[in-house]
N, C-alpha and C. Protein backbone atom coordinates (compact mmCIF):
# COMPACT_ATOMS: atom_id res chain seq x y z
N UNK A 1 -18.09 -19.96 40.34
CA UNK A 1 -17.98 -18.78 40.11
C UNK A 1 -17.47 -18.67 38.63
N UNK A 2 -18.13 -17.75 37.81
CA UNK A 2 -17.71 -17.56 36.66
C UNK A 2 -16.82 -16.41 36.57
N UNK A 3 -15.71 -16.05 36.09
CA UNK A 3 -14.79 -15.06 35.90
C UNK A 3 -14.88 -14.47 34.31
N UNK A 4 -15.58 -13.23 34.26
CA UNK A 4 -15.59 -12.50 32.83
C UNK A 4 -14.77 -11.19 33.01
N UNK A 5 -14.26 -10.69 31.74
CA UNK A 5 -14.14 -9.35 31.48
C UNK A 5 -14.83 -8.98 30.72
N UNK A 6 -15.31 -7.92 31.36
CA UNK A 6 -16.49 -6.82 30.75
C UNK A 6 -16.10 -5.28 30.54
N UNK A 7 -15.88 -4.82 29.37
CA UNK A 7 -15.49 -3.27 29.45
C UNK A 7 -14.14 -3.41 30.29
N UNK A 8 -13.36 -4.18 29.75
CA UNK A 8 -11.81 -4.17 30.56
C UNK A 8 -11.85 -4.51 32.10
N UNK A 9 -12.89 -4.86 32.53
CA UNK A 9 -12.76 -4.92 34.15
C UNK A 9 -13.20 -6.53 34.24
N UNK A 10 -12.52 -6.98 35.53
CA UNK A 10 -12.74 -8.36 35.66
C UNK A 10 -14.23 -8.31 36.75
N UNK A 11 -15.04 -9.28 36.74
CA UNK A 11 -16.08 -9.51 37.52
C UNK A 11 -16.46 -11.10 37.36
N UNK A 12 -16.42 -11.39 38.79
CA UNK A 12 -17.08 -12.72 39.19
C UNK A 12 -18.53 -12.61 39.32
N UNK A 13 -19.20 -13.94 38.65
CA UNK A 13 -20.69 -14.31 38.59
C UNK A 13 -20.84 -15.42 39.00
N UNK A 14 -21.92 -15.61 39.74
CA UNK A 14 -22.54 -17.04 40.17
C UNK A 14 -23.63 -17.31 39.29
N UNK A 15 -23.57 -17.87 38.40
CA UNK A 15 -24.40 -18.33 37.44
C UNK A 15 -23.90 -19.81 36.83
N UNK A 16 -25.39 -20.39 36.21
CA UNK A 16 -25.25 -21.73 35.46
C UNK A 16 -24.17 -21.28 34.27
N UNK A 17 -23.24 -22.36 34.07
CA UNK A 17 -22.30 -22.18 32.69
C UNK A 17 -23.15 -21.85 31.31
N UNK A 18 -24.34 -22.37 31.33
CA UNK A 18 -25.04 -22.46 30.19
C UNK A 18 -26.18 -21.26 30.19
N UNK A 19 -26.03 -20.35 31.32
CA UNK A 19 -26.78 -18.96 31.04
C UNK A 19 -26.15 -18.13 29.89
N UNK A 20 -27.31 -17.70 29.08
CA UNK A 20 -26.80 -16.73 28.14
C UNK A 20 -26.01 -15.84 28.54
N UNK A 21 -25.03 -15.18 27.85
CA UNK A 21 -24.27 -14.05 28.13
C UNK A 21 -24.95 -12.79 28.49
N UNK A 22 -25.98 -12.23 27.70
CA UNK A 22 -26.92 -11.41 27.89
C UNK A 22 -27.78 -11.16 29.14
N UNK A 23 -27.93 -12.21 29.84
CA UNK A 23 -28.69 -12.20 31.29
C UNK A 23 -27.56 -12.08 32.09
N UNK A 24 -26.44 -12.46 31.97
CA UNK A 24 -25.17 -12.08 33.06
C UNK A 24 -25.01 -10.75 33.00
N UNK A 25 -24.73 -10.38 31.77
CA UNK A 25 -24.28 -8.95 31.71
C UNK A 25 -25.48 -8.03 32.31
N UNK A 26 -26.91 -8.29 32.09
CA UNK A 26 -27.74 -7.50 32.38
C UNK A 26 -28.11 -7.62 34.09
N UNK A 27 -28.47 -8.90 34.35
CA UNK A 27 -28.88 -8.91 35.51
C UNK A 27 -27.83 -9.45 36.67
N UNK A 28 -26.93 -9.88 36.38
CA UNK A 28 -25.66 -10.03 37.14
C UNK A 28 -24.53 -8.82 37.42
N UNK A 29 -24.47 -8.28 35.98
CA UNK A 29 -23.33 -7.20 36.21
C UNK A 29 -24.17 -5.77 36.37
N UNK A 30 -25.41 -5.93 36.00
CA UNK A 30 -26.19 -4.93 35.63
C UNK A 30 -25.86 -3.65 34.74
N UNK A 31 -25.44 -4.12 33.53
CA UNK A 31 -25.19 -3.23 32.46
C UNK A 31 -26.46 -3.51 31.41
N UNK A 32 -27.18 -2.88 31.20
CA UNK A 32 -28.60 -3.10 30.94
C UNK A 32 -28.45 -2.27 29.49
N UNK A 33 -27.83 -1.67 28.88
CA UNK A 33 -27.50 -1.26 27.56
C UNK A 33 -27.71 -2.14 26.62
N UNK A 34 -27.41 -3.35 26.69
CA UNK A 34 -27.40 -4.39 25.85
C UNK A 34 -29.11 -5.02 26.03
N UNK A 35 -29.67 -5.09 24.94
CA UNK A 35 -31.15 -5.35 25.11
C UNK A 35 -31.48 -6.78 24.64
N UNK A 36 -32.67 -7.09 25.24
CA UNK A 36 -33.06 -8.64 24.70
C UNK A 36 -34.45 -8.12 23.95
N UNK A 37 -34.15 -8.67 22.72
CA UNK A 37 -35.21 -8.70 21.74
C UNK A 37 -35.72 -10.14 21.27
N UNK A 38 -35.46 -11.08 20.72
CA UNK A 38 -36.02 -12.11 20.16
C UNK A 38 -35.58 -13.50 21.09
N UNK A 39 -34.33 -13.74 21.76
CA UNK A 39 -33.70 -14.86 22.36
C UNK A 39 -33.31 -15.80 21.18
N UNK A 40 -33.25 -15.50 20.13
CA UNK A 40 -32.76 -16.66 19.29
C UNK A 40 -31.86 -15.98 18.09
N UNK A 41 -31.01 -14.79 18.47
CA UNK A 41 -30.09 -14.36 17.81
C UNK A 41 -30.62 -14.01 16.39
N UNK A 42 -31.69 -13.62 16.27
CA UNK A 42 -31.98 -13.15 15.01
C UNK A 42 -31.97 -11.59 15.02
N UNK A 43 -32.82 -10.75 15.85
CA UNK A 43 -32.85 -9.37 15.63
C UNK A 43 -31.41 -8.66 16.18
N UNK A 44 -30.75 -8.90 16.74
CA UNK A 44 -29.33 -8.12 17.00
C UNK A 44 -29.46 -7.18 18.11
N UNK A 45 -30.57 -7.07 19.07
CA UNK A 45 -30.48 -6.12 19.95
C UNK A 45 -29.46 -6.43 21.16
N UNK A 46 -29.27 -7.60 21.02
CA UNK A 46 -28.40 -8.17 22.26
C UNK A 46 -26.82 -7.98 21.85
N UNK A 47 -26.43 -7.47 21.06
CA UNK A 47 -25.16 -7.29 20.39
C UNK A 47 -24.18 -7.02 21.10
N UNK A 48 -22.84 -7.60 21.23
CA UNK A 48 -21.91 -7.12 22.23
C UNK A 48 -20.65 -7.64 21.24
N UNK A 49 -19.59 -6.83 21.79
CA UNK A 49 -18.41 -7.54 20.96
C UNK A 49 -17.53 -8.50 21.86
N UNK A 50 -17.29 -9.76 21.43
CA UNK A 50 -16.50 -10.57 22.03
C UNK A 50 -15.17 -10.72 21.40
N UNK A 51 -13.79 -10.30 21.94
CA UNK A 51 -12.70 -10.59 21.23
C UNK A 51 -12.91 -9.61 20.06
N UNK A 52 -13.78 -8.18 20.07
CA UNK A 52 -13.69 -7.56 18.84
C UNK A 52 -14.72 -8.07 17.66
N UNK A 53 -15.05 -9.27 18.02
CA UNK A 53 -16.40 -9.77 16.88
C UNK A 53 -17.76 -9.63 17.57
N UNK A 54 -18.38 -8.89 16.70
CA UNK A 54 -20.02 -8.65 16.91
C UNK A 54 -20.77 -10.04 17.23
N UNK A 55 -21.06 -10.15 18.59
CA UNK A 55 -21.62 -11.35 18.79
C UNK A 55 -23.08 -11.19 19.23
N UNK A 56 -24.18 -11.99 19.15
CA UNK A 56 -25.46 -11.93 19.59
C UNK A 56 -25.41 -12.60 21.06
N UNK A 57 -25.51 -11.87 22.14
CA UNK A 57 -25.37 -12.63 23.21
C UNK A 57 -26.41 -13.29 23.92
N UNK A 58 -27.76 -13.49 23.43
CA UNK A 58 -28.92 -13.76 23.97
C UNK A 58 -28.69 -15.41 23.66
N UNK A 59 -27.77 -16.04 22.91
CA UNK A 59 -27.54 -17.55 22.63
C UNK A 59 -26.19 -17.74 22.65
N UNK A 60 -25.77 -16.84 23.21
CA UNK A 60 -24.26 -17.09 23.56
C UNK A 60 -23.87 -17.70 25.17
N UNK A 61 -23.50 -18.67 25.29
CA UNK A 61 -23.33 -19.23 26.81
C UNK A 61 -22.14 -18.39 27.39
N UNK A 62 -22.36 -18.29 28.87
CA UNK A 62 -21.50 -17.51 29.62
C UNK A 62 -20.35 -18.45 29.85
N UNK A 63 -20.31 -19.38 29.73
CA UNK A 63 -19.14 -20.38 29.67
C UNK A 63 -18.21 -20.28 28.22
N UNK A 64 -18.69 -19.87 27.17
CA UNK A 64 -17.94 -19.86 26.13
C UNK A 64 -17.16 -18.12 26.14
N UNK A 65 -17.57 -17.55 27.06
CA UNK A 65 -17.27 -15.99 27.14
C UNK A 65 -16.21 -15.90 28.07
N UNK A 66 -15.55 -17.07 28.99
CA UNK A 66 -14.81 -17.02 29.88
C UNK A 66 -13.24 -16.94 29.21
N UNK A 67 -12.43 -16.00 29.56
CA UNK A 67 -11.09 -15.59 29.12
C UNK A 67 -11.11 -14.86 27.95
N UNK A 68 -12.26 -14.29 27.60
CA UNK A 68 -12.66 -13.43 26.13
C UNK A 68 -12.67 -11.97 27.09
N UNK A 69 -12.48 -11.22 25.98
CA UNK A 69 -12.69 -9.72 26.19
C UNK A 69 -14.26 -9.33 25.66
N UNK A 70 -14.95 -8.80 26.52
CA UNK A 70 -16.47 -8.53 26.36
C UNK A 70 -16.37 -6.98 26.30
N UNK A 71 -16.91 -6.56 25.11
CA UNK A 71 -17.09 -5.12 25.30
C UNK A 71 -18.79 -4.73 24.82
N UNK A 72 -19.62 -4.07 25.81
CA UNK A 72 -21.15 -3.77 25.65
C UNK A 72 -21.10 -1.98 25.14
N UNK A 73 -22.21 -1.71 25.03
CA UNK A 73 -22.48 -0.52 24.46
C UNK A 73 -21.67 0.53 25.80
N UNK A 74 -21.99 0.21 27.02
CA UNK A 74 -21.49 1.10 27.75
C UNK A 74 -19.78 1.41 27.95
N UNK A 75 -19.24 0.22 27.44
CA UNK A 75 -17.64 0.20 27.11
C UNK A 75 -17.21 0.88 25.80
N UNK A 76 -17.98 1.13 24.81
CA UNK A 76 -17.38 2.07 23.48
C UNK A 76 -16.88 3.24 23.80
N UNK A 77 -17.66 4.33 24.31
CA UNK A 77 -17.19 5.47 24.74
C UNK A 77 -15.84 5.64 25.34
N UNK A 78 -14.52 6.17 25.22
CA UNK A 78 -13.48 6.24 26.44
C UNK A 78 -13.64 7.58 27.03
N UNK A 79 -13.27 7.75 28.07
CA UNK A 79 -13.36 8.99 28.92
C UNK A 79 -14.49 10.04 28.29
N UNK A 80 -15.49 9.52 28.24
CA UNK A 80 -16.56 10.17 28.07
C UNK A 80 -16.92 11.04 26.70
N UNK A 81 -15.74 10.27 25.90
CA UNK A 81 -15.94 10.80 24.29
C UNK A 81 -16.46 9.68 23.62
N UNK A 82 -17.57 9.85 22.75
CA UNK A 82 -18.31 9.10 22.22
C UNK A 82 -17.73 8.77 20.71
N UNK A 83 -17.72 7.49 20.35
CA UNK A 83 -16.65 6.74 19.29
C UNK A 83 -17.81 7.68 17.95
N UNK A 84 -17.02 7.38 16.93
CA UNK A 84 -17.63 8.06 15.54
C UNK A 84 -18.84 7.54 15.19
N UNK A 85 -19.12 6.26 15.72
CA UNK A 85 -20.34 5.81 15.21
C UNK A 85 -21.39 6.34 16.12
N UNK A 86 -21.05 6.30 17.50
CA UNK A 86 -22.14 6.91 18.25
C UNK A 86 -22.21 8.44 17.90
N UNK A 87 -21.29 9.20 17.86
CA UNK A 87 -21.54 10.42 16.97
C UNK A 87 -22.56 10.69 15.85
N UNK A 88 -21.88 9.92 14.97
CA UNK A 88 -22.93 9.80 13.88
C UNK A 88 -24.47 9.50 14.02
N UNK A 89 -24.78 8.64 14.98
CA UNK A 89 -26.29 8.26 15.51
C UNK A 89 -26.76 9.44 15.65
N UNK A 90 -25.99 10.35 16.59
CA UNK A 90 -26.57 11.47 17.27
C UNK A 90 -27.06 12.50 16.18
N UNK A 91 -25.93 12.78 15.37
CA UNK A 91 -26.12 13.79 14.27
C UNK A 91 -27.35 13.28 13.08
N UNK A 92 -27.53 12.24 12.97
CA UNK A 92 -28.53 11.80 12.10
C UNK A 92 -29.80 11.38 12.58
N UNK A 93 -30.13 11.67 13.87
CA UNK A 93 -31.08 11.46 14.46
C UNK A 93 -31.65 9.98 14.41
N UNK A 94 -30.86 9.00 14.38
CA UNK A 94 -31.06 7.61 13.91
C UNK A 94 -31.97 6.95 14.92
N UNK A 95 -32.10 7.18 16.27
CA UNK A 95 -33.04 6.33 17.42
C UNK A 95 -34.28 6.94 17.05
N UNK A 96 -35.37 6.00 17.10
CA UNK A 96 -36.74 6.53 17.30
C UNK A 96 -36.87 5.91 18.69
N UNK A 97 -37.48 4.79 18.93
CA UNK A 97 -38.06 4.31 20.27
C UNK A 97 -36.23 3.95 20.85
N UNK A 98 -35.39 3.77 20.02
CA UNK A 98 -34.21 3.29 20.68
C UNK A 98 -33.71 1.97 20.95
N UNK A 99 -34.74 1.24 21.04
CA UNK A 99 -34.53 -0.09 21.73
C UNK A 99 -33.34 -0.90 21.04
N UNK A 100 -33.39 -1.10 19.63
CA UNK A 100 -32.46 -1.50 18.94
C UNK A 100 -31.14 -1.10 18.86
N UNK A 101 -30.85 0.03 19.30
CA UNK A 101 -29.89 1.10 18.77
C UNK A 101 -28.47 0.47 19.23
N UNK A 102 -28.51 0.07 20.67
CA UNK A 102 -27.12 -0.22 21.00
C UNK A 102 -26.39 -1.51 20.47
N UNK A 103 -27.47 -2.45 20.21
CA UNK A 103 -27.08 -3.91 19.11
C UNK A 103 -26.73 -3.03 18.04
N UNK A 104 -27.40 -2.19 17.15
CA UNK A 104 -27.02 -1.80 16.01
C UNK A 104 -25.62 -1.21 15.92
N UNK A 105 -25.28 -0.31 16.94
CA UNK A 105 -23.90 0.53 17.16
C UNK A 105 -23.05 -0.57 17.16
N UNK A 106 -23.36 -1.54 18.00
CA UNK A 106 -21.99 -2.36 18.31
C UNK A 106 -21.86 -3.26 16.92
N UNK A 107 -22.77 -3.71 16.21
CA UNK A 107 -22.64 -4.24 14.64
C UNK A 107 -21.85 -3.33 13.68
N UNK A 108 -22.21 -2.04 13.94
CA UNK A 108 -21.82 -1.03 12.87
C UNK A 108 -20.43 -0.88 13.22
N UNK A 109 -19.96 -0.93 14.41
CA UNK A 109 -18.67 -0.41 14.88
C UNK A 109 -17.64 -1.57 14.24
N UNK A 110 -18.15 -2.86 14.56
CA UNK A 110 -17.35 -3.86 13.70
C UNK A 110 -17.35 -3.92 12.44
N UNK A 111 -18.46 -3.60 11.76
CA UNK A 111 -18.47 -3.30 10.05
C UNK A 111 -17.15 -2.37 9.83
N UNK A 112 -17.27 -1.22 10.66
CA UNK A 112 -16.57 -0.09 10.01
C UNK A 112 -14.82 -0.62 10.35
N UNK A 113 -14.68 -1.49 11.36
CA UNK A 113 -13.46 -1.58 11.56
C UNK A 113 -12.83 -2.83 10.40
N UNK A 114 -13.77 -3.64 9.98
CA UNK A 114 -13.23 -4.42 8.69
C UNK A 114 -13.44 -4.04 7.46
N UNK A 115 -14.32 -2.97 7.06
CA UNK A 115 -14.54 -2.39 5.96
C UNK A 115 -14.52 -0.83 6.33
N UNK A 116 -13.63 -0.02 6.50
CA UNK A 116 -13.67 1.35 6.83
C UNK A 116 -14.57 2.39 5.77
N UNK A 117 -14.79 1.74 4.63
CA UNK A 117 -15.53 2.61 3.59
C UNK A 117 -16.41 1.50 3.01
N UNK A 118 -17.62 1.38 3.93
CA UNK A 118 -18.43 -0.07 3.31
C UNK A 118 -19.40 0.79 2.13
N UNK A 119 -19.77 -0.15 1.38
CA UNK A 119 -20.84 0.25 0.03
C UNK A 119 -22.04 0.13 0.73
N UNK A 120 -22.87 0.36 0.20
CA UNK A 120 -24.61 -0.03 0.62
C UNK A 120 -24.56 -1.33 0.58
N UNK A 121 -24.19 -2.32 -0.35
CA UNK A 121 -23.92 -3.73 -0.30
C UNK A 121 -23.48 -4.07 0.87
N UNK A 122 -22.47 -3.57 1.07
CA UNK A 122 -21.59 -3.99 2.31
C UNK A 122 -22.59 -3.91 3.64
N UNK A 123 -23.04 -2.74 3.44
CA UNK A 123 -23.93 -2.63 4.71
C UNK A 123 -25.29 -3.35 4.80
N UNK A 124 -25.73 -3.80 3.60
CA UNK A 124 -27.10 -4.33 3.51
C UNK A 124 -26.67 -5.87 4.00
N UNK A 125 -25.07 -6.44 3.65
CA UNK A 125 -24.80 -7.93 3.73
C UNK A 125 -24.50 -7.97 5.38
N UNK A 126 -23.62 -6.62 5.84
CA UNK A 126 -23.51 -7.08 7.37
C UNK A 126 -24.29 -6.49 8.43
N UNK A 127 -25.05 -5.68 8.31
CA UNK A 127 -25.74 -5.17 9.30
C UNK A 127 -27.17 -5.72 9.22
N UNK A 128 -27.24 -6.98 9.84
CA UNK A 128 -28.84 -7.74 9.89
C UNK A 128 -29.76 -7.26 11.01
N UNK A 129 -29.13 -6.52 11.64
CA UNK A 129 -30.10 -5.88 13.13
C UNK A 129 -31.23 -5.55 12.47
N UNK A 130 -32.41 -6.10 13.26
CA UNK A 130 -33.76 -5.42 12.90
C UNK A 130 -34.47 -4.10 13.74
N UNK A 131 -34.72 -3.35 13.23
CA UNK A 131 -35.24 -1.95 13.69
C UNK A 131 -36.68 -1.89 13.29
N UNK A 132 -37.59 -2.03 14.34
CA UNK A 132 -39.17 -2.52 14.21
C UNK A 132 -39.45 -0.70 13.94
N UNK A 133 -38.72 0.41 14.28
CA UNK A 133 -39.50 1.58 13.81
C UNK A 133 -38.85 1.97 12.33
N UNK A 134 -38.12 0.96 11.68
CA UNK A 134 -37.79 1.20 10.37
C UNK A 134 -36.69 2.72 9.99
N UNK A 135 -35.89 2.58 10.78
CA UNK A 135 -34.94 3.81 10.64
C UNK A 135 -33.85 3.28 9.76
N UNK A 136 -33.76 2.28 9.06
CA UNK A 136 -32.69 1.74 7.94
C UNK A 136 -32.22 2.65 7.41
N UNK A 137 -32.85 3.76 7.09
CA UNK A 137 -32.05 5.23 6.01
C UNK A 137 -31.38 5.81 6.85
N UNK A 138 -31.85 6.22 8.12
CA UNK A 138 -31.02 7.09 8.79
C UNK A 138 -29.79 6.05 9.32
N UNK A 139 -29.83 4.80 9.50
CA UNK A 139 -28.69 3.96 9.79
C UNK A 139 -27.69 4.04 8.68
N UNK A 140 -28.15 4.00 7.69
CA UNK A 140 -27.24 4.06 6.38
C UNK A 140 -26.66 5.37 6.31
N UNK A 141 -27.14 6.38 6.19
CA UNK A 141 -26.72 7.66 6.39
C UNK A 141 -25.70 7.91 7.36
N UNK A 142 -25.95 7.52 8.71
CA UNK A 142 -24.98 7.30 9.84
C UNK A 142 -23.83 6.66 9.76
N UNK A 143 -24.00 5.56 9.12
CA UNK A 143 -22.76 4.79 8.68
C UNK A 143 -21.79 5.30 7.76
N UNK A 144 -22.64 5.90 6.70
CA UNK A 144 -21.60 6.73 5.88
C UNK A 144 -21.00 7.78 6.45
N UNK A 145 -21.69 8.49 7.12
CA UNK A 145 -21.06 9.84 7.90
C UNK A 145 -19.69 9.13 8.73
N UNK A 146 -20.00 8.30 9.46
CA UNK A 146 -19.01 7.34 10.54
C UNK A 146 -17.86 7.33 9.82
N UNK A 147 -17.95 6.60 8.43
CA UNK A 147 -16.95 6.13 7.72
C UNK A 147 -16.23 7.51 7.18
N UNK A 148 -16.78 8.52 7.08
CA UNK A 148 -16.24 9.44 6.53
C UNK A 148 -15.54 10.74 7.81
N UNK A 149 -15.70 10.06 8.74
CA UNK A 149 -15.61 11.05 9.89
C UNK A 149 -13.99 10.93 10.40
């Protein structure tokens, strides 16, 4: 059994230690907000926070997550109150298909922690998630709105 702390709650799962964290979160814990996109940590759909750092979970082994605080998209809002990033996403109609959005929100949340007022260059450098619908202009507007909220 492997013990993980996800969204502040301890969970025990029976998986091979080399299992990607993404699959443990989705298949064993049942939190399906974190998405599978590419499987090689390139697209960012699987982004979660591990000890506060945005991490692509599709290539991160479960064994490396033991003893760390894991936050998924389901763990961002507190007591039903959306974060400023989540609220900006809604206000700026960012999602089209929505598939990449949980990972994008997780990446942006970390960006705003380290750079509360990011420039366009900061956004371009930090947000490498891929949106196949091409909502990058809405993403940029939502990031600036969240930074000014």
